[in-house]
Amino acid sequence: MVIEVAVRAEAALGEAPTWDHASGTLLWVDVLASEVHRHSPARGDDAVLEVPQHVGAAKPRSRGGLVLNLRDGIALLDRDGTRTWLVYWAREGVRGNDAAVDPAGRLWAGTMRYDEEPDGWLARVEPSGDAKVVLDKVGVSNGIGWSPDSTLMYYIDSAERRIDVLDYDRDTGEATNRRPLARVHRGLPDGLTVDASGAVWVALFGGAAVHRYTPAGELDLELELPVGQPTACCFGGPDFTDLYVTSARTGLSGDALSELAGSVLVLPGVGEGLPSNAFAG
């Protein structure tokens, strides 16, 4: 296994890597720096866009531009830089965290309290801006993904130290029958991605690794990383075979603060992923 540095950075809280296959670039954010990054492997650069609030995730839109999970709600960012609120749900002490776009083009956006008390939520946001809270009393809303056949949805509340699975209806967007898929005993489960075989890859914050779980919840691969706080992962590259992993420096000092903490890593050819979905709004 080869581990390379895709972007050498000192992100306080790198998160939410997403391969934008329309442009052949990697979107990722530094939550606490209020930055949206776009890395081009072809050019070898990493463009940075500053936004006015902490940003948990940035995802491509089918009509161009981005949808952002900001501190106070969901915003649309047009190609010309115009930013408008799609959903505004500001609450004292709460910010947006991870988000994902489902196979039908809806945005699933999680929130969390800064003090990590269980008062966050996971909401389903339609392209029209209609939003529904699907899960409440969430501690640290993180990884979200779907099985290749769009019948299952995976979800992580890091505070629960487990990966959950729900039954998912693509037509209605309903996610029901939440149950544990696997419990995590190394670090905290953070962001996730689902590969073409239906396996779930999970970044372990504080665990210095990415773990892969079968659809039955069995741990079948452990990838050791040179960063102590990997935060999330996604597949990218021309054939979706390269695994990109974001990481964080926040809370680290001394020997625990490695040289690559806060960088984006890439593991070429380690698996076979699926194209990401674009938000239809």
C-alpha atoms as a PDB file:
ATOM      1  CA  MET A   1       0.000   0.000   0.000  1.00  0.00           C
ATOM      2  CA  VAL A   2       1.308   3.409  -1.022  1.00  0.00           C
ATOM      3  CA  ILE A   3       0.383   6.562   0.908  1.00  0.00           C
ATOM      4  CA  GLU A   4       1.034   9.903  -0.768  1.00  0.00           C
ATOM      5  CA  VAL A   5       0.429  13.501   0.248  1.00  0.00           C
ATOM      6  CA  ALA A   6      -2.197  15.008  -2.044  1.00  0.00           C
ATOM      7  CA  VAL A   7      -2.236  18.399  -0.292  1.00  0.00           C
ATOM      8  CA  ARG A   8       0.344  19.329   2.309  1.00  0.00           C
ATOM      9  CA  ALA A   9      -1.621  21.542   4.664  1.00  0.00           C
ATOM     10  CA  GLU A  10      -2.062  22.457   8.304  1.00  0.00           C
ATOM     11  CA  ALA A  11      -5.841  22.289   8.446  1.00  0.00           C
ATOM     12  CA  ALA A  12      -7.264  22.725  11.917  1.00  0.00           C
ATOM     13  CA  LEU A  13     -10.154  20.449  10.976  1.00  0.00           C
ATOM     14  CA  GLY A  14      -9.938  19.141   7.430  1.00  0.00           C
ATOM     15  CA  GLU A  15     -13.184  17.394   6.496  1.00  0.00           C
ATOM     16  CA  ALA A  16     -15.733  16.279   3.891  1.00  0.00           C
ATOM     17  CA  PRO A  17     -13.584  15.234   0.896  1.00  0.00           C
ATOM     18  CA  THR A  18     -15.712  14.896  -2.248  1.00  0.00           C
ATOM     19  CA  TRP A  19     -14.517  14.032  -5.723  1.00  0.00           C
ATOM     20  CA  ASP A  20     -16.129  16.372  -8.252  1.00  0.00           C
ATOM     21  CA  HIS A  21     -15.918  14.185 -11.346  1.00  0.00           C
ATOM     22  CA  ALA A  22     -17.265  16.939 -13.613  1.00  0.00           C
ATOM     23  CA  SER A  23     -14.054  18.910 -13.042  1.00  0.00           C
ATOM     24  CA  GLY A  24     -11.666  16.152 -11.962  1.00  0.00           C
ATOM     25  CA  THR A  25     -11.004  17.923  -8.656  1.00  0.00           C
ATOM     26  CA  LEU A  26     -11.275  17.187  -4.949  1.00  0.00           C
ATOM     27  CA  LEU A  27     -13.459  19.410  -2.771  1.00  0.00           C
ATOM     28  CA  TRP A  28     -12.677  19.536   0.945  1.00  0.00           C
ATOM     29  CA  VAL A  29     -13.089  21.991   3.802  1.00  0.00           C
ATOM     30  CA  ASP A  30     -11.217  23.266   6.818  1.00  0.00           C
ATOM     31  CA  VAL A  31     -14.200  23.651   9.126  1.00  0.00           C
ATOM     32  CA  LEU A  32     -12.680  25.921  11.759  1.00  0.00           C
ATOM     33  CA  ALA A  33     -10.806  28.116   9.269  1.00  0.00           C
ATOM     34  CA  SER A  34     -14.038  28.709   7.292  1.00  0.00           C
ATOM     35  CA  GLU A  35     -12.341  27.562   4.090  1.00  0.00           C
ATOM     36  CA  VAL A  36     -13.520  25.579   1.070  1.00  0.00           C
ATOM     37  CA  HIS A  37     -10.670  23.969  -0.857  1.00  0.00           C
ATOM     38  CA  ARG A  38     -10.564  22.609  -4.393  1.00  0.00           C
ATOM     39  CA  HIS A  39      -7.542  20.445  -5.171  1.00  0.00           C
ATOM     40  CA  SER A  40      -6.601  19.660  -8.767  1.00  0.00           C
ATOM     41  CA  PRO A  41      -4.308  16.614  -9.005  1.00  0.00           C
ATOM     42  CA  ALA A  42      -3.685  17.414 -12.681  1.00  0.00           C
ATOM     43  CA  ARG A  43      -2.405  20.909 -11.897  1.00  0.00           C
ATOM     44  CA  GLY A  44      -1.016  20.092  -8.485  1.00  0.00           C
ATOM     45  CA  ASP A  45      -2.685  23.097  -6.877  1.00  0.00           C
ATOM     46  CA  ASP A  46      -5.202  23.706  -4.092  1.00  0.00           C
ATOM     47  CA  ALA A  47      -7.462  26.725  -4.510  1.00  0.00           C
ATOM     48  CA  VAL A  48      -8.964  28.191  -1.333  1.00  0.00           C
ATOM     49  CA  LEU A  49     -12.268  30.029  -0.950  1.00  0.00           C
ATOM     50  CA  GLU A  50     -12.948  31.788   2.344  1.00  0.00           C
ATOM     51  CA  VAL A  51     -16.551  31.783   3.544  1.00  0.00           C
ATOM     52  CA  PRO A  52     -18.076  33.910   6.329  1.00  0.00           C
ATOM     53  CA  GLN A  53     -18.903  31.059   8.726  1.00  0.00           C
ATOM     54  CA  HIS A  54     -17.562  27.722   9.851  1.00  0.00           C
ATOM     55  CA  VAL A  55     -18.295  25.273   7.039  1.00  0.00           C
ATOM     56  CA  GLY A  56     -18.914  21.564   7.613  1.00  0.00           C
ATOM     57  CA  ALA A  57     -19.108  20.451   3.990  1.00  0.00           C
ATOM     58  CA  ALA A  58     -19.196  21.679   0.386  1.00  0.00           C
ATOM     59  CA  LYS A  59     -20.833  19.598  -2.338  1.00  0.00           C
ATOM     60  CA  PRO A  60     -21.207  20.077  -6.109  1.00  0.00           C
ATOM     61  CA  ARG A  61     -24.537  21.166  -7.595  1.00  0.00           C
ATOM     62  CA  SER A  62     -25.863  19.710 -10.839  1.00  0.00           C
ATOM     63  CA  ARG A  63     -26.338  23.216 -12.279  1.00  0.00           C
ATOM     64  CA  GLY A  64     -22.864  24.351 -11.222  1.00  0.00           C
ATOM     65  CA  GLY A  65     -21.624  25.989  -8.072  1.00  0.00           C
ATOM     66  CA  LEU A  66     -21.701  24.496  -4.588  1.00  0.00           C
ATOM     67  CA  VAL A  67     -24.055  23.795  -1.710  1.00  0.00           C
ATOM     68  CA  LEU A  68     -22.543  24.581   1.690  1.00  0.00           C
ATOM     69  CA  ASN A  69     -23.386  23.280   5.163  1.00  0.00           C
ATOM     70  CA  LEU A  70     -22.578  26.426   7.121  1.00  0.00           C
ATOM     71  CA  ARG A  71     -22.876  27.287  10.806  1.00  0.00           C
ATOM     72  CA  ASP A  72     -26.323  28.835  10.430  1.00  0.00           C
ATOM     73  CA  GLY A  73     -27.823  26.703   7.651  1.00  0.00           C
ATOM     74  CA  ILE A  74     -27.580  25.577   4.044  1.00  0.00           C
ATOM     75  CA  ALA A  75     -26.334  28.060   1.455  1.00  0.00           C
ATOM     76  CA  LEU A  76     -26.094  27.953  -2.332  1.00  0.00           C
ATOM     77  CA  LEU A  77     -22.955  29.329  -3.913  1.00  0.00           C
ATOM     78  CA  ASP A  78     -23.306  30.169  -7.604  1.00  0.00           C
ATOM     79  CA  ARG A  79     -20.476  30.128 -10.124  1.00  0.00           C
ATOM     80  CA  ASP A  80     -20.315  33.927 -10.059  1.00  0.00           C
ATOM     81  CA  GLY A  81     -19.799  33.913  -6.281  1.00  0.00           C
ATOM     82  CA  THR A  82     -23.361  34.858  -5.352  1.00  0.00           C
ATOM     83  CA  ARG A  83     -24.348  33.235  -2.068  1.00  0.00           C
ATOM     84  CA  THR A  84     -27.956  32.748  -0.950  1.00  0.00           C
ATOM     85  CA  TRP A  85     -29.581  30.908   1.937  1.00  0.00           C
ATOM     86  CA  LEU A  86     -31.563  27.824   0.977  1.00  0.00           C
ATOM     87  CA  VAL A  87     -32.340  26.876   4.593  1.00  0.00           C
ATOM     88  CA  TYR A  88     -31.647  29.121   7.587  1.00  0.00           C
ATOM     89  CA  TRP A  89     -31.796  27.370  10.965  1.00  0.00           C
ATOM     90  CA  ALA A  90     -29.370  29.293  13.151  1.00  0.00           C
ATOM     91  CA  ARG A  91     -29.263  28.147  16.758  1.00  0.00           C
ATOM     92  CA  GLU A  92     -26.912  29.401  19.463  1.00  0.00           C
ATOM     93  CA  GLY A  93     -23.934  27.084  19.954  1.00  0.00           C
ATOM     94  CA  VAL A  94     -24.694  24.883  16.921  1.00  0.00           C
ATOM     95  CA  ARG A  95     -22.872  24.552  13.583  1.00  0.00           C
ATOM     96  CA  GLY A  96     -23.113  22.486  10.428  1.00  0.00           C
ATOM     97  CA  ASN A  97     -20.906  19.421  10.172  1.00  0.00           C
ATOM     98  CA  ASP A  98     -20.707  16.620   7.604  1.00  0.00           C
ATOM     99  CA  ALA A  99     -23.164  16.340   4.706  1.00  0.00           C
ATOM    100  CA  ALA A 100     -23.799  14.133   1.698  1.00  0.00           C
ATOM    101  CA  VAL A 101     -25.978  14.070  -1.412  1.00  0.00           C
ATOM    102  CA  ASP A 102     -28.223  11.060  -1.887  1.00  0.00           C
ATOM    103  CA  PRO A 103     -28.821   9.186  -5.177  1.00  0.00           C
ATOM    104  CA  ALA A 104     -31.881  11.363  -5.914  1.00  0.00           C
ATOM    105  CA  GLY A 105     -29.984  14.652  -5.484  1.00  0.00           C
ATOM    106  CA  ARG A 106     -31.184  15.579  -1.987  1.00  0.00           C
ATOM    107  CA  LEU A 107     -28.764  16.972   0.591  1.00  0.00           C
ATOM    108  CA  TRP A 108     -28.469  15.248   3.967  1.00  0.00           C
ATOM    109  CA  ALA A 109     -26.908  17.734   6.365  1.00  0.00           C
ATOM    110  CA  GLY A 110     -25.791  17.133   9.925  1.00  0.00           C
ATOM    111  CA  THR A 111     -25.265  19.585  12.757  1.00  0.00           C
ATOM    112  CA  MET A 112     -23.573  19.489  16.153  1.00  0.00           C
ATOM    113  CA  ARG A 113     -23.152  21.669  19.191  1.00  0.00           C
ATOM    114  CA  TYR A 114     -19.709  23.180  19.721  1.00  0.00           C
ATOM    115  CA  ASP A 115     -19.706  21.652  23.204  1.00  0.00           C
ATOM    116  CA  GLU A 116     -20.759  18.286  21.673  1.00  0.00           C
ATOM    117  CA  GLU A 117     -23.815  17.933  23.874  1.00  0.00           C
ATOM    118  CA  PRO A 118     -26.422  15.730  22.111  1.00  0.00           C
ATOM    119  CA  ASP A 119     -28.569  18.491  20.659  1.00  0.00           C
ATOM    120  CA  GLY A 120     -27.646  18.319  16.983  1.00  0.00           C
ATOM    121  CA  TRP A 121     -29.695  16.849  14.167  1.00  0.00           C
ATOM    122  CA  LEU A 122     -29.586  15.206  10.736  1.00  0.00           C
ATOM    123  CA  ALA A 123     -31.876  16.833   8.168  1.00  0.00           C
ATOM    124  CA  ARG A 124     -32.954  15.947   4.646  1.00  0.00           C
ATOM    125  CA  VAL A 125     -32.975  19.008   2.407  1.00  0.00           C
ATOM    126  CA  GLU A 126     -34.901  18.938  -0.864  1.00  0.00           C
ATOM    127  CA  PRO A 127     -33.691  20.923  -3.902  1.00  0.00           C
ATOM    128  CA  SER A 128     -36.646  23.266  -3.267  1.00  0.00           C
ATOM    129  CA  GLY A 129     -35.326  24.105   0.197  1.00  0.00           C
ATOM    130  CA  ASP A 130     -37.937  22.088   2.072  1.00  0.00           C
ATOM    131  CA  ALA A 131     -36.182  20.470   5.024  1.00  0.00           C
ATOM    132  CA  LYS A 132     -37.120  17.758   7.476  1.00  0.00           C
ATOM    133  CA  VAL A 133     -35.278  16.661  10.602  1.00  0.00           C
ATOM    134  CA  VAL A 134     -34.825  12.902  10.268  1.00  0.00           C
ATOM    135  CA  LEU A 135     -32.770  12.306  13.425  1.00  0.00           C
ATOM    136  CA  ASP A 136     -32.535  14.536  16.501  1.00  0.00           C
ATOM    137  CA  LYS A 137     -30.589  14.489  19.772  1.00  0.00           C
ATOM    138  CA  VAL A 138     -27.411  13.852  17.781  1.00  0.00           C
ATOM    139  CA  GLY A 139     -24.013  14.311  19.439  1.00  0.00           C
ATOM    140  CA  VAL A 140     -21.551  14.680  16.531  1.00  0.00           C
ATOM    141  CA  SER A 141     -23.257  14.129  13.182  1.00  0.00           C
ATOM    142  CA  ASN A 142     -20.742  12.700  10.748  1.00  0.00           C
ATOM    143  CA  GLY A 143     -20.471  10.113   7.968  1.00  0.00           C
ATOM    144  CA  ILE A 144     -23.402   9.560   5.582  1.00  0.00           C
ATOM    145  CA  GLY A 145     -23.533   7.241   2.577  1.00  0.00           C
ATOM    146  CA  TRP A 146     -25.697   4.859   0.532  1.00  0.00           C
ATOM    147  CA  SER A 147     -25.390   1.319  -0.747  1.00  0.00           C
ATOM    148  CA  PRO A 148     -24.795   0.857  -4.496  1.00  0.00           C
ATOM    149  CA  ASP A 149     -28.382  -0.331  -5.006  1.00  0.00           C
ATOM    150  CA  SER A 150     -29.780   2.669  -3.069  1.00  0.00           C
ATOM    151  CA  THR A 151     -31.678   0.517  -0.558  1.00  0.00           C
ATOM    152  CA  LEU A 152     -29.531   1.237   2.505  1.00  0.00           C
ATOM    153  CA  MET A 153     -28.206   4.377   4.139  1.00  0.00           C
ATOM    154  CA  TYR A 154     -25.229   4.444   6.487  1.00  0.00           C
ATOM    155  CA  TYR A 155     -24.829   7.023   9.236  1.00  0.00           C
ATOM    156  CA  ILE A 156     -22.384   7.879  12.006  1.00  0.00           C
ATOM    157  CA  ASP A 157     -23.003   9.842  15.161  1.00  0.00           C
ATOM    158  CA  SER A 158     -19.404   9.802  16.393  1.00  0.00           C
ATOM    159  CA  ALA A 159     -20.535  10.141  20.008  1.00  0.00           C
ATOM    160  CA  GLU A 160     -22.180   6.705  19.742  1.00  0.00           C
ATOM    161  CA  ARG A 161     -18.904   5.044  18.620  1.00  0.00           C
ATOM    162  CA  ARG A 162     -20.676   2.969  15.999  1.00  0.00           C
ATOM    163  CA  ILE A 163     -21.760   2.835  12.353  1.00  0.00           C
ATOM    164  CA  ASP A 164     -25.507   2.601  11.828  1.00  0.00           C
ATOM    165  CA  VAL A 165     -27.532   1.388   8.854  1.00  0.00           C
ATOM    166  CA  LEU A 166     -31.066   2.393   7.868  1.00  0.00           C
ATOM    167  CA  ASP A 167     -33.498   1.214   5.216  1.00  0.00           C
ATOM    168  CA  TYR A 168     -33.664   3.859   2.487  1.00  0.00           C
ATOM    169  CA  ASP A 169     -36.305   4.643  -0.131  1.00  0.00           C
ATOM    170  CA  ARG A 170     -34.837   6.576  -3.043  1.00  0.00           C
ATOM    171  CA  ASP A 171     -38.227   7.766  -4.328  1.00  0.00           C
ATOM    172  CA  THR A 172     -39.464   9.264  -1.061  1.00  0.00           C
ATOM    173  CA  GLY A 173     -36.140   9.917   0.664  1.00  0.00           C
ATOM    174  CA  GLU A 174     -37.372   8.153   3.785  1.00  0.00           C
ATOM    175  CA  ALA A 175     -34.735   6.477   5.982  1.00  0.00           C
ATOM    176  CA  THR A 176     -36.138   4.134   8.616  1.00  0.00           C
ATOM    177  CA  ASN A 177     -35.312   1.199  10.894  1.00  0.00           C
ATOM    178  CA  ARG A 178     -32.017   2.567  12.236  1.00  0.00           C
ATOM    179  CA  ARG A 179     -29.821  -0.182  13.687  1.00  0.00           C
ATOM    180  CA  PRO A 180     -26.118  -0.789  14.422  1.00  0.00           C
ATOM    181  CA  LEU A 181     -23.937  -2.135  11.618  1.00  0.00           C
ATOM    182  CA  ALA A 182     -20.668  -2.211  13.561  1.00  0.00           C
ATOM    183  CA  ARG A 183     -19.193  -0.857  16.786  1.00  0.00           C
ATOM    184  CA  VAL A 184     -15.844   0.912  16.694  1.00  0.00           C
ATOM    185  CA  HIS A 185     -13.267   0.362  19.428  1.00  0.00           C
ATOM    186  CA  ARG A 186     -10.361   2.375  17.986  1.00  0.00           C
ATOM    187  CA  GLY A 187     -10.702   6.141  18.053  1.00  0.00           C
ATOM    188  CA  LEU A 188     -14.002   7.681  16.978  1.00  0.00           C
ATOM    189  CA  PRO A 189     -15.751   6.813  13.713  1.00  0.00           C
ATOM    190  CA  ASP A 190     -15.917   9.976  11.627  1.00  0.00           C
ATOM    191  CA  GLY A 191     -16.536  10.342   7.886  1.00  0.00           C
ATOM    192  CA  LEU A 192     -17.342   7.417   5.608  1.00  0.00           C
ATOM    193  CA  THR A 193     -17.600   6.385   1.977  1.00  0.00           C
ATOM    194  CA  VAL A 194     -19.211   3.359   0.332  1.00  0.00           C
ATOM    195  CA  ASP A 195     -17.425   1.508  -2.464  1.00  0.00           C
ATOM    196  CA  ALA A 196     -18.745  -0.278  -5.560  1.00  0.00           C
ATOM    197  CA  SER A 197     -19.013  -3.589  -3.701  1.00  0.00           C
ATOM    198  CA  GLY A 198     -21.080  -2.037  -0.900  1.00  0.00           C
ATOM    199  CA  ALA A 199     -18.256  -2.016   1.652  1.00  0.00           C
ATOM    200  CA  VAL A 200     -18.136   0.915   4.066  1.00  0.00           C
ATOM    201  CA  TRP A 201     -14.810   2.727   4.597  1.00  0.00           C
ATOM    202  CA  VAL A 202     -14.586   4.759   7.805  1.00  0.00           C
ATOM    203  CA  ALA A 203     -11.970   7.280   8.974  1.00  0.00           C
ATOM    204  CA  LEU A 204     -11.096   6.817  12.651  1.00  0.00           C
ATOM    205  CA  PHE A 205     -10.502  10.142  14.390  1.00  0.00           C
ATOM    206  CA  GLY A 206      -7.839   9.548  17.022  1.00  0.00           C
ATOM    207  CA  GLY A 207      -7.318   6.041  15.637  1.00  0.00           C
ATOM    208  CA  ALA A 208      -4.758   6.851  12.908  1.00  0.00           C
ATOM    209  CA  ALA A 209      -6.478   4.532  10.456  1.00  0.00           C
ATOM    210  CA  VAL A 210      -9.220   3.869   7.947  1.00  0.00           C
ATOM    211  CA  HIS A 211     -11.244   0.690   8.454  1.00  0.00           C
ATOM    212  CA  ARG A 212     -13.315  -1.126   5.846  1.00  0.00           C
ATOM    213  CA  TYR A 213     -16.466  -3.007   6.834  1.00  0.00           C
ATOM    214  CA  THR A 214     -18.400  -5.494   4.729  1.00  0.00           C
ATOM    215  CA  PRO A 215     -22.136  -4.944   4.178  1.00  0.00           C
ATOM    216  CA  ALA A 216     -22.608  -7.475   7.000  1.00  0.00           C
ATOM    217  CA  GLY A 217     -20.630  -5.231   9.365  1.00  0.00           C
ATOM    218  CA  GLU A 218     -17.449  -7.320   9.498  1.00  0.00           C
ATOM    219  CA  LEU A 219     -14.115  -5.496   9.706  1.00  0.00           C
ATOM    220  CA  ASP A 220     -12.045  -6.852   6.813  1.00  0.00           C
ATOM    221  CA  LEU A 221      -9.341  -4.235   6.163  1.00  0.00           C
ATOM    222  CA  GLU A 222      -7.305  -1.869   8.351  1.00  0.00           C
ATOM    223  CA  LEU A 223      -5.225   0.876   6.742  1.00  0.00           C
ATOM    224  CA  GLU A 224      -2.676   2.493   9.064  1.00  0.00           C
ATOM    225  CA  LEU A 225      -2.057   6.185   8.410  1.00  0.00           C
ATOM    226  CA  PRO A 226       0.734   8.658   9.301  1.00  0.00           C
ATOM    227  CA  VAL A 227      -1.780  11.069  10.878  1.00  0.00           C
ATOM    228  CA  GLY A 228      -3.421  10.578  14.251  1.00  0.00           C
ATOM    229  CA  GLN A 229      -6.728  12.262  13.407  1.00  0.00           C
ATOM    230  CA  PRO A 230      -8.018  11.207   9.983  1.00  0.00           C
ATOM    231  CA  THR A 231     -11.466  12.723   9.593  1.00  0.00           C
ATOM    232  CA  ALA A 232     -13.115  11.506   6.402  1.00  0.00           C
ATOM    233  CA  CYS A 233     -12.462   9.682   3.138  1.00  0.00           C
ATOM    234  CA  CYS A 234     -13.742   9.401  -0.416  1.00  0.00           C
ATOM    235  CA  PHE A 235     -12.775   7.734  -3.654  1.00  0.00           C
ATOM    236  CA  GLY A 236     -11.599   9.837  -6.565  1.00  0.00           C
ATOM    237  CA  GLY A 237      -9.399   9.936  -9.599  1.00  0.00           C
ATOM    238  CA  PRO A 238     -10.362   9.059 -13.195  1.00  0.00           C
ATOM    239  CA  ASP A 239     -11.470   5.534 -12.249  1.00  0.00           C
ATOM    240  CA  PHE A 240     -12.521   6.249  -8.626  1.00  0.00           C
ATOM    241  CA  THR A 241      -9.777   3.952  -7.330  1.00  0.00           C
ATOM    242  CA  ASP A 242      -7.780   6.472  -5.262  1.00  0.00           C
ATOM    243  CA  LEU A 243      -8.801   6.936  -1.629  1.00  0.00           C
ATOM    244  CA  TYR A 244      -8.465  10.529  -0.384  1.00  0.00           C
ATOM    245  CA  VAL A 245      -8.324  11.106   3.375  1.00  0.00           C
ATOM    246  CA  THR A 246      -8.590  14.447   5.186  1.00  0.00           C
ATOM    247  CA  SER A 247      -7.093  15.033   8.631  1.00  0.00           C
ATOM    248  CA  ALA A 248      -7.032  17.477  11.549  1.00  0.00           C
ATOM    249  CA  ARG A 249      -4.508  19.221  13.796  1.00  0.00           C
ATOM    250  CA  THR A 250      -6.950  20.557  16.373  1.00  0.00           C
ATOM    251  CA  GLY A 251      -6.231  19.424  19.926  1.00  0.00           C
ATOM    252  CA  LEU A 252      -2.830  17.955  19.096  1.00  0.00           C
ATOM    253  CA  SER A 253       0.534  18.984  20.540  1.00  0.00           C
ATOM    254  CA  GLY A 254       3.984  17.587  21.166  1.00  0.00           C
ATOM    255  CA  ASP A 255       4.713  14.124  19.820  1.00  0.00           C
ATOM    256  CA  ALA A 256       1.062  13.640  18.855  1.00  0.00           C
ATOM    257  CA  LEU A 257       1.298  16.476  16.329  1.00  0.00           C
ATOM    258  CA  SER A 258       2.792  14.714  13.318  1.00  0.00           C
ATOM    259  CA  GLU A 259       4.346  16.518  10.374  1.00  0.00           C
ATOM    260  CA  LEU A 260       1.398  15.627   8.130  1.00  0.00           C
ATOM    261  CA  ALA A 261      -1.410  16.440  10.573  1.00  0.00           C
ATOM    262  CA  GLY A 262      -3.942  18.583   8.725  1.00  0.00           C
ATOM    263  CA  SER A 263      -2.856  17.371   5.284  1.00  0.00           C
ATOM    264  CA  VAL A 264      -4.895  15.486   2.693  1.00  0.00           C
ATOM    265  CA  LEU A 265      -3.529  12.028   1.954  1.00  0.00           C
ATOM    266  CA  VAL A 266      -4.206   9.792  -1.031  1.00  0.00           C
ATOM    267  CA  LEU A 267      -3.884   6.005  -1.289  1.00  0.00           C
ATOM    268  CA  PRO A 268      -3.727   5.227  -5.027  1.00  0.00           C
ATOM    269  CA  GLY A 269      -5.474   2.142  -6.356  1.00  0.00           C
ATOM    270  CA  VAL A 270      -6.615   0.891  -2.959  1.00  0.00           C
ATOM    271  CA  GLY A 271     -10.240   0.200  -3.938  1.00  0.00           C
ATOM    272  CA  GLU A 272     -13.056   0.878  -6.372  1.00  0.00           C
ATOM    273  CA  GLY A 273     -15.416   3.674  -5.464  1.00  0.00           C
ATOM    274  CA  LEU A 274     -18.570   5.179  -6.945  1.00  0.00           C
ATOM    275  CA  PRO A 275     -19.129   8.625  -8.488  1.00  0.00           C
ATOM    276  CA  SER A 276     -20.420  11.211  -6.025  1.00  0.00           C
ATOM    277  CA  ASN A 277     -23.907  12.671  -6.421  1.00  0.00           C
ATOM    278  CA  ALA A 278     -24.554  16.325  -7.194  1.00  0.00           C
ATOM    279  CA  PHE A 279     -27.176  18.363  -5.332  1.00  0.00           C
ATOM    280  CA  ALA A 280     -30.141  19.019  -7.606  1.00  0.00           C
ATOM    281  CA  GLY A 281     -30.901  22.459  -6.157  1.00  0.00           C
END
